[in-house]
């Protein structure tokens, strides 16, 4: 994860049309799928709700989209991997 060129931000919309801006913090490839970790830009880091959002990159009709991960075991594994990578870089 390099901030040499600045941070990347994306805006996503939920099923109800609400928009959220997220800061991309890292990407991992596993089993030919890319998983991306984000943090919300509109929360207080000292709030208990502070956390990481992990989404997978999928292709639909030739367009790349971000999708949720339904497999809790995979999500927990990815969370641990992202956390380890992030903590290793902060040392």
C-alpha atoms as a PDB file:
ATOM      1  CA  UNK A   1       0.000   0.000   0.000  1.00  0.00           C
ATOM      2  CA  UNK A   2       1.727   3.127  -1.177  1.00  0.00           C
ATOM      3  CA  UNK A   3       0.541   6.671  -0.720  1.00  0.00           C
ATOM      4  CA  UNK A   4       3.279   7.944  -3.044  1.00  0.00           C
ATOM      5  CA  UNK A   5       0.671   9.277  -5.472  1.00  0.00           C
ATOM      6  CA  UNK A   6      -2.023  10.112  -2.920  1.00  0.00           C
ATOM      7  CA  UNK A   7      -5.080   8.279  -1.679  1.00  0.00           C
ATOM      8  CA  UNK A   8      -7.835   6.903  -3.888  1.00  0.00           C
ATOM      9  CA  UNK A   9     -11.473   7.626  -3.159  1.00  0.00           C
ATOM     10  CA  UNK A  10     -14.575   5.994  -4.582  1.00  0.00           C
ATOM     11  CA  UNK A  11     -18.239   6.799  -4.203  1.00  0.00           C
ATOM     12  CA  UNK A  12     -20.606   3.850  -3.982  1.00  0.00           C
ATOM     13  CA  UNK A  13     -24.388   3.715  -3.827  1.00  0.00           C
ATOM     14  CA  UNK A  14     -26.503   1.277  -1.856  1.00  0.00           C
ATOM     15  CA  UNK A  15     -29.782  -0.289  -2.994  1.00  0.00           C
ATOM     16  CA  UNK A  16     -31.705   2.682  -1.585  1.00  0.00           C
ATOM     17  CA  UNK A  17     -29.719   5.243  -3.580  1.00  0.00           C
ATOM     18  CA  UNK A  18     -27.623   6.531  -0.669  1.00  0.00           C
ATOM     19  CA  UNK A  19     -24.085   7.546  -1.676  1.00  0.00           C
ATOM     20  CA  UNK A  20     -21.002   6.840   0.433  1.00  0.00           C
ATOM     21  CA  UNK A  21     -17.438   8.027  -0.161  1.00  0.00           C
ATOM     22  CA  UNK A  22     -14.770   5.501   0.770  1.00  0.00           C
ATOM     23  CA  UNK A  23     -10.997   5.733   0.925  1.00  0.00           C
ATOM     24  CA  UNK A  24      -9.188   2.785  -0.672  1.00  0.00           C
ATOM     25  CA  UNK A  25      -6.478   1.504   1.674  1.00  0.00           C
ATOM     26  CA  UNK A  26      -5.299  -1.806   0.153  1.00  0.00           C
ATOM     27  CA  UNK A  27      -5.995  -4.566  -2.382  1.00  0.00           C
ATOM     28  CA  UNK A  28      -5.382  -8.315  -2.111  1.00  0.00           C
ATOM     29  CA  UNK A  29      -5.669 -10.931  -4.849  1.00  0.00           C
ATOM     30  CA  UNK A  30      -6.890 -14.383  -3.784  1.00  0.00           C
ATOM     31  CA  UNK A  31      -8.106 -17.220  -6.001  1.00  0.00           C
ATOM     32  CA  UNK A  32      -8.109 -14.981  -9.114  1.00  0.00           C
ATOM     33  CA  UNK A  33     -10.346 -12.410  -7.403  1.00  0.00           C
ATOM     34  CA  UNK A  34      -9.358  -8.945  -6.238  1.00  0.00           C
ATOM     35  CA  UNK A  35     -10.555  -7.804  -2.810  1.00  0.00           C
ATOM     36  CA  UNK A  36     -10.330  -4.166  -1.806  1.00  0.00           C
ATOM     37  CA  UNK A  37     -10.290  -2.656   1.679  1.00  0.00           C
ATOM     38  CA  UNK A  38     -11.815   0.760   2.318  1.00  0.00           C
ATOM     39  CA  UNK A  39     -12.539   3.086   5.214  1.00  0.00           C
ATOM     40  CA  UNK A  40     -15.510   5.460   5.236  1.00  0.00           C
ATOM     41  CA  UNK A  41     -14.496   9.109   4.908  1.00  0.00           C
ATOM     42  CA  UNK A  42     -17.327  10.502   7.003  1.00  0.00           C
ATOM     43  CA  UNK A  43     -16.743   8.893  10.391  1.00  0.00           C
ATOM     44  CA  UNK A  44     -14.768   9.827  13.481  1.00  0.00           C
ATOM     45  CA  UNK A  45     -11.836   7.429  13.996  1.00  0.00           C
ATOM     46  CA  UNK A  46     -12.462   7.440  17.746  1.00  0.00           C
ATOM     47  CA  UNK A  47     -16.046   6.271  17.223  1.00  0.00           C
ATOM     48  CA  UNK A  48     -16.641   2.586  18.035  1.00  0.00           C
ATOM     49  CA  UNK A  49     -18.099   2.172  14.536  1.00  0.00           C
ATOM     50  CA  UNK A  50     -14.713   2.861  12.905  1.00  0.00           C
ATOM     51  CA  UNK A  51     -13.760  -0.037  10.733  1.00  0.00           C
ATOM     52  CA  UNK A  52     -12.821  -1.510   7.442  1.00  0.00           C
ATOM     53  CA  UNK A  53     -15.143  -2.276   4.555  1.00  0.00           C
ATOM     54  CA  UNK A  54     -14.033  -5.136   2.309  1.00  0.00           C
ATOM     55  CA  UNK A  55     -15.550  -5.513  -1.145  1.00  0.00           C
ATOM     56  CA  UNK A  56     -14.710  -7.747  -4.094  1.00  0.00           C
ATOM     57  CA  UNK A  57     -14.130  -6.620  -7.641  1.00  0.00           C
ATOM     58  CA  UNK A  58     -16.484  -8.327 -10.111  1.00  0.00           C
ATOM     59  CA  UNK A  59     -17.061  -7.908 -13.817  1.00  0.00           C
ATOM     60  CA  UNK A  60     -20.599  -7.577 -15.052  1.00  0.00           C
ATOM     61  CA  UNK A  61     -21.411  -6.864 -18.709  1.00  0.00           C
ATOM     62  CA  UNK A  62     -17.781  -5.826 -19.276  1.00  0.00           C
ATOM     63  CA  UNK A  63     -17.878  -3.308 -16.418  1.00  0.00           C
ATOM     64  CA  UNK A  64     -15.931  -3.597 -13.151  1.00  0.00           C
ATOM     65  CA  UNK A  65     -18.128  -3.277 -10.070  1.00  0.00           C
ATOM     66  CA  UNK A  66     -17.629  -3.584  -6.328  1.00  0.00           C
ATOM     67  CA  UNK A  67     -19.734  -6.241  -4.601  1.00  0.00           C
ATOM     68  CA  UNK A  68     -20.280  -7.415  -1.046  1.00  0.00           C
ATOM     69  CA  UNK A  69     -18.850 -10.692   0.232  1.00  0.00           C
ATOM     70  CA  UNK A  70     -21.469 -13.153   1.479  1.00  0.00           C
ATOM     71  CA  UNK A  71     -19.064 -15.796   2.839  1.00  0.00           C
ATOM     72  CA  UNK A  72     -18.394 -14.920   6.514  1.00  0.00           C
ATOM     73  CA  UNK A  73     -15.375 -17.244   6.741  1.00  0.00           C
ATOM     74  CA  UNK A  74     -13.768 -15.637   3.689  1.00  0.00           C
ATOM     75  CA  UNK A  75     -14.571 -12.184   5.009  1.00  0.00           C
ATOM     76  CA  UNK A  76     -12.917 -12.943   8.363  1.00  0.00           C
ATOM     77  CA  UNK A  77      -9.832 -14.336   6.604  1.00  0.00           C
ATOM     78  CA  UNK A  78      -9.565 -11.259   4.386  1.00  0.00           C
ATOM     79  CA  UNK A  79     -10.017  -8.953   7.380  1.00  0.00           C
ATOM     80  CA  UNK A  80      -7.115 -10.660   9.160  1.00  0.00           C
ATOM     81  CA  UNK A  81      -4.925 -10.473   6.053  1.00  0.00           C
ATOM     82  CA  UNK A  82      -5.662  -6.794   5.451  1.00  0.00           C
ATOM     83  CA  UNK A  83      -5.126  -5.947   9.127  1.00  0.00           C
ATOM     84  CA  UNK A  84      -1.787  -7.756   9.166  1.00  0.00           C
ATOM     85  CA  UNK A  85      -0.621  -5.961   6.009  1.00  0.00           C
ATOM     86  CA  UNK A  86      -1.704  -2.566   7.322  1.00  0.00           C
ATOM     87  CA  UNK A  87      -0.052  -3.065  10.717  1.00  0.00           C
ATOM     88  CA  UNK A  88       3.175  -4.289   9.070  1.00  0.00           C
ATOM     89  CA  UNK A  89       3.383  -1.061   7.067  1.00  0.00           C
ATOM     90  CA  UNK A  90       2.774   1.188  10.079  1.00  0.00           C
ATOM     91  CA  UNK A  91       5.779  -0.171  11.991  1.00  0.00           C
END
